[in-house]
Amino acid sequence: MQRGQESPDAVKVRTLPVQVAAHLTRRIVSGDIEDGRAPSELEISREFGVSRVVARETLKILASLDIVDVAQGRRVTVRPRAEWDYLSPLLIEWLPAEIVGELLQELHQMRVLLEPELAAMAAASVTDATLDRLRDEVGRMAALEADPNAYLEVDHEFHMEICRAADNRILDRIMYSARWLGTASRRITNEDSDALRKATADHTEIYEALVARDPDRARAAMRKHLANNSTLLAEKEKQTKRATRRR
């Protein structure tokens, strides 16, 4: 069974605590909240005109994302930004485009470190049943090159299928935990049909290396695919930075 992903066009109904948490996070990122001190439960309640229950839930959300520390009898403090939970889809949604662009580059660095070796591991142990699924996914990619959103889901499942074939539960969880950033990254690299045609060709090479059960060939094919993605991500980041400077 494929793991589902949220459609980019899905209607997102956010609760009041989530809305307040989003607002506070953006203020922290913009520098409006200084000296490491975040608003208390009482201050949130007064500023936003919400109940103490909503304010308390807001702080719980921020704490769950490692944005703030909340201690009994002490003020609420902002945690170092390097320690925030950047794998959370909520946090990614709240951050400005330039920071998301930086995170996508960092995700790509992680993929370059892990995925070629995962492909090599998979080549050594892949089953016929997994190869059948990968063949079907490559076929679906070829048929979906005019539909980037549908292509994205098959693309993600192809890579997760390889990860599962490598048969390492820890690496599987690392890859799965990064799926929201991975989705954002693929939306950039899959923006036009020409990029999708190249991606299908790359995935076909990876699949053929797995069919041959050749770890070195699978590793090289995955590296080539990720190198092609790197070029697209770098160009998108340049465009984002130019747009930010113009604003």
Protein backbone atom coordinates (compact mmCIF):
# COMPACT_ATOMS: atom_id res chain seq x y z
CA MET A 1 0.00 0.00 0.00
CA GLN A 2 1.33 3.43 -0.87
CA ARG A 3 1.74 6.01 1.81
CA GLY A 4 -0.58 8.92 1.17
CA GLN A 5 0.46 12.52 0.82
CA GLU A 6 -1.55 15.66 1.25
CA SER A 7 -2.65 17.11 -2.05
CA PRO A 8 -1.19 20.58 -2.74
CA ASP A 9 -4.73 21.71 -3.56
CA ALA A 10 -6.28 20.34 -0.36
CA VAL A 11 -8.26 22.80 1.73
CA LYS A 12 -6.38 23.40 4.96
CA VAL A 13 -8.55 24.31 7.90
CA ARG A 14 -6.30 25.51 10.71
CA THR A 15 -7.42 25.65 14.31
CA LEU A 16 -7.12 28.91 16.23
CA PRO A 17 -4.07 27.75 18.24
CA VAL A 18 -2.30 26.80 15.00
CA GLN A 19 -3.10 30.19 13.47
CA VAL A 20 -1.72 32.02 16.51
CA ALA A 21 1.35 29.77 16.58
CA ALA A 22 1.98 30.54 12.91
CA HIS A 23 1.74 34.28 13.56
CA LEU A 24 4.15 34.11 16.50
CA THR A 25 6.63 31.97 14.57
CA ARG A 26 6.70 34.49 11.73
CA ARG A 27 7.30 37.29 14.24
CA ILE A 28 10.20 35.36 15.77
CA VAL A 29 11.74 34.71 12.35
CA SER A 30 11.36 38.37 11.33
CA GLY A 31 13.10 39.54 14.52
CA ASP A 32 10.03 41.23 16.03
CA ILE A 33 10.44 39.09 19.16
CA GLU A 34 13.85 39.84 20.59
CA ASP A 35 16.09 38.91 23.55
CA GLY A 36 14.99 35.26 23.48
CA ARG A 37 11.75 35.91 25.34
CA ALA A 38 8.47 34.66 23.85
CA PRO A 39 5.01 35.87 24.95
CA SER A 40 3.54 34.12 27.96
CA GLU A 41 0.17 32.40 28.05
CA LEU A 42 -1.40 35.51 29.57
CA GLU A 43 0.24 37.85 27.03
CA ILE A 44 -0.96 35.70 24.11
CA SER A 45 -4.47 35.68 25.52
CA ARG A 46 -4.55 39.45 25.86
CA GLU A 47 -2.86 40.32 22.54
CA PHE A 48 -4.93 38.01 20.35
CA GLY A 49 -8.17 38.16 22.32
CA VAL A 50 -8.25 34.38 22.81
CA SER A 51 -8.98 32.24 25.83
CA ARG A 52 -6.25 30.95 28.14
CA VAL A 53 -6.98 27.47 26.78
CA VAL A 54 -6.19 28.61 23.22
CA ALA A 55 -3.06 30.40 24.45
CA ARG A 56 -1.93 27.27 26.30
CA GLU A 57 -2.47 25.10 23.20
CA THR A 58 -0.54 27.65 21.13
CA LEU A 59 2.48 27.31 23.42
CA LYS A 60 2.20 23.52 23.31
CA ILE A 61 2.37 23.64 19.51
CA LEU A 62 5.41 25.92 19.57
CA ALA A 63 7.07 23.68 22.17
CA SER A 64 6.33 20.55 20.11
CA LEU A 65 8.21 22.16 17.21
CA ASP A 66 11.15 22.99 19.52
CA ILE A 67 10.60 26.70 18.87
CA VAL A 68 10.11 27.60 22.55
CA ASP A 69 10.80 26.17 25.97
CA VAL A 70 7.93 26.31 28.45
CA ALA A 71 8.78 25.63 32.09
CA GLN A 72 6.50 25.78 35.12
CA GLY A 73 6.92 29.10 36.90
CA ARG A 74 9.40 30.43 34.36
CA ARG A 75 9.06 32.69 31.36
CA VAL A 76 8.67 31.23 27.88
CA THR A 77 11.97 31.38 25.98
CA VAL A 78 12.78 31.04 22.28
CA ARG A 79 15.04 28.11 21.47
CA PRO A 80 18.01 28.47 19.08
CA ARG A 81 16.79 28.32 15.49
CA ALA A 82 19.20 25.53 14.63
CA GLU A 83 17.23 23.27 17.00
CA TRP A 84 13.75 23.81 15.52
CA ASP A 85 11.89 20.86 14.00
CA TYR A 86 12.47 21.60 10.32
CA LEU A 87 10.91 18.27 9.31
CA SER A 88 7.47 19.45 10.45
CA PRO A 89 5.05 20.34 7.63
CA LEU A 90 3.59 23.08 9.82
CA LEU A 91 6.91 24.83 10.30
CA ILE A 92 7.78 24.58 6.61
CA GLU A 93 4.44 26.21 5.81
CA TRP A 94 5.18 29.15 8.12
CA LEU A 95 8.74 29.95 7.07
CA PRO A 96 9.61 32.57 4.41
CA ALA A 97 10.56 31.34 0.94
CA GLU A 98 14.25 32.15 1.29
CA ILE A 99 14.60 29.97 4.40
CA VAL A 100 12.64 27.14 2.78
CA GLY A 101 15.03 27.39 -0.18
CA GLU A 102 18.00 26.97 2.17
CA LEU A 103 16.35 23.96 3.79
CA LEU A 104 15.74 22.35 0.41
CA GLN A 105 19.44 22.68 -0.38
CA GLU A 106 20.26 21.06 2.97
CA LEU A 107 17.76 18.28 2.26
CA HIS A 108 19.46 17.73 -1.08
CA GLN A 109 22.81 17.39 0.68
CA MET A 110 21.26 14.69 2.88
CA ARG A 111 19.85 12.88 -0.15
CA VAL A 112 23.23 12.94 -1.90
CA LEU A 113 24.79 11.35 1.18
CA LEU A 114 22.14 8.67 1.66
CA GLU A 115 20.28 7.78 -1.51
CA PRO A 116 23.14 6.52 -3.71
CA GLU A 117 24.10 4.09 -0.95
CA LEU A 118 20.45 3.11 -0.46
CA ALA A 119 20.25 2.34 -4.17
CA ALA A 120 23.41 0.22 -3.95
CA MET A 121 22.05 -1.64 -0.92
CA ALA A 122 18.74 -2.20 -2.70
CA ALA A 123 20.50 -3.59 -5.79
CA ALA A 124 22.08 -6.27 -3.64
CA SER A 125 18.81 -7.42 -2.05
CA VAL A 126 15.88 -6.27 -4.21
CA THR A 127 13.09 -8.81 -4.76
CA ASP A 128 11.25 -9.54 -7.98
CA ALA A 129 8.05 -8.18 -6.41
CA THR A 130 9.75 -4.85 -5.68
CA LEU A 131 11.15 -4.70 -9.20
CA ASP A 132 7.65 -5.24 -10.57
CA ARG A 133 6.38 -2.27 -8.52
CA LEU A 134 9.30 -0.09 -9.62
CA ARG A 135 8.67 -1.01 -13.27
CA ASP A 136 5.03 -0.01 -12.88
CA GLU A 137 6.03 3.29 -11.25
CA VAL A 138 8.44 4.14 -14.07
CA GLY A 139 5.63 3.44 -16.53
CA ARG A 140 3.27 5.69 -14.61
CA MET A 141 5.88 8.48 -14.56
CA ALA A 142 6.15 8.34 -18.34
CA ALA A 143 2.38 8.66 -18.59
CA LEU A 144 2.17 11.54 -16.10
CA GLU A 145 4.78 13.93 -17.48
CA ALA A 146 2.04 16.48 -18.24
CA ASP A 147 0.67 16.25 -14.68
CA PRO A 148 3.36 17.38 -12.19
CA ASN A 149 1.21 16.87 -9.08
CA ALA A 150 0.37 13.27 -9.92
CA TYR A 151 3.96 12.67 -11.05
CA LEU A 152 5.20 13.92 -7.68
CA GLU A 153 3.39 11.18 -5.75
CA VAL A 154 4.74 8.41 -7.98
CA ASP A 155 8.23 9.94 -7.82
CA HIS A 156 8.13 9.92 -4.02
CA GLU A 157 6.90 6.32 -3.89
CA PHE A 158 9.65 5.18 -6.30
CA HIS A 159 12.35 6.49 -3.97
CA MET A 160 10.65 5.10 -0.86
CA GLU A 161 10.34 1.70 -2.58
CA ILE A 162 14.11 1.71 -3.05
CA CYS A 163 14.59 2.75 0.56
CA ARG A 164 12.42 -0.13 1.76
CA ALA A 165 14.28 -2.54 -0.52
CA ALA A 166 17.52 -1.55 1.22
CA ASP A 167 15.97 -3.14 4.32
CA ASN A 168 17.23 -0.70 6.95
CA ARG A 169 14.49 0.52 9.27
CA ILE A 170 16.46 3.49 10.62
CA LEU A 171 17.26 4.85 7.17
CA ASP A 172 13.66 4.23 6.14
CA ARG A 173 12.42 6.38 9.03
CA ILE A 174 14.91 9.15 8.22
CA MET A 175 13.77 9.27 4.62
CA TYR A 176 10.10 9.08 5.53
CA SER A 177 10.43 11.84 8.14
CA ALA A 178 11.79 14.17 5.46
CA ARG A 179 8.86 13.52 3.11
CA TRP A 180 7.31 17.01 3.48
CA LEU A 181 10.54 18.74 2.50
CA GLY A 182 10.97 16.14 -0.21
CA THR A 183 7.56 17.02 -1.58
CA ALA A 184 8.48 20.73 -1.66
CA SER A 185 11.75 19.89 -3.39
CA ARG A 186 10.07 17.76 -6.04
CA ARG A 187 7.56 20.51 -6.78
CA ILE A 188 10.52 22.66 -7.83
CA THR A 189 12.40 20.01 -9.81
CA ASN A 190 9.18 18.79 -11.48
CA GLU A 191 7.92 22.21 -12.56
CA ASP A 192 7.99 21.66 -16.33
CA SER A 193 7.47 18.76 -18.69
CA ASP A 194 11.08 18.83 -19.95
CA ALA A 195 12.34 18.35 -16.38
CA LEU A 196 9.87 15.50 -15.95
CA ARG A 197 11.06 13.79 -19.14
CA LYS A 198 14.62 13.95 -17.84
CA ALA A 199 13.49 12.66 -14.46
CA THR A 200 11.72 9.71 -16.08
CA ALA A 201 14.89 8.87 -18.00
CA ASP A 202 16.90 9.05 -14.74
CA HIS A 203 14.44 6.81 -12.91
CA THR A 204 14.56 4.34 -15.79
CA GLU A 205 18.35 4.13 -15.47
CA ILE A 206 18.06 3.53 -11.74
CA TYR A 207 15.44 0.83 -12.32
CA GLU A 208 17.57 -0.91 -14.95
CA ALA A 209 20.56 -0.93 -12.59
CA LEU A 210 18.39 -2.55 -9.93
CA VAL A 211 17.12 -5.14 -12.44
CA ALA A 212 20.77 -5.95 -13.18
CA ARG A 213 21.35 -6.17 -9.41
CA ASP A 214 24.48 -4.08 -9.89
CA PRO A 215 25.22 -1.95 -6.77
CA ASP A 216 27.89 0.22 -8.44
CA ARG A 217 25.65 0.98 -11.40
CA ALA A 218 22.67 1.74 -9.13
CA ARG A 219 24.79 4.07 -7.01
CA ALA A 220 26.04 5.94 -10.09
CA ALA A 221 22.53 6.23 -11.58
CA MET A 222 21.15 7.69 -8.37
CA ARG A 223 24.04 10.17 -8.13
CA LYS A 224 23.37 11.29 -11.70
CA HIS A 225 19.68 11.82 -10.93
CA LEU A 226 20.44 13.87 -7.82
CA ALA A 227 23.03 15.94 -9.69
CA ASN A 228 20.36 16.87 -12.25
CA ASN A 229 18.05 17.90 -9.39
CA SER A 230 20.81 19.98 -7.82
CA THR A 231 21.02 22.21 -10.89
CA LEU A 232 17.27 22.89 -10.82
CA LEU A 233 17.25 23.63 -7.07
CA ALA A 234 20.21 26.00 -7.35
CA GLU A 235 18.50 27.97 -10.13
CA LYS A 236 15.27 28.21 -8.12
CA GLU A 237 17.16 29.47 -5.06
CA LYS A 238 18.80 32.19 -7.17
CA GLN A 239 15.39 33.27 -8.45
CA THR A 240 14.01 33.39 -4.89
CA LYS A 241 16.91 35.50 -3.65
CA ARG A 242 16.55 37.94 -6.56
CA ALA A 243 12.83 38.28 -5.84
CA THR A 244 13.53 38.87 -2.14
CA ARG A 245 16.05 41.61 -2.92
CA ARG A 246 13.56 43.34 -5.24
CA ARG A 247 10.97 43.38 -2.44
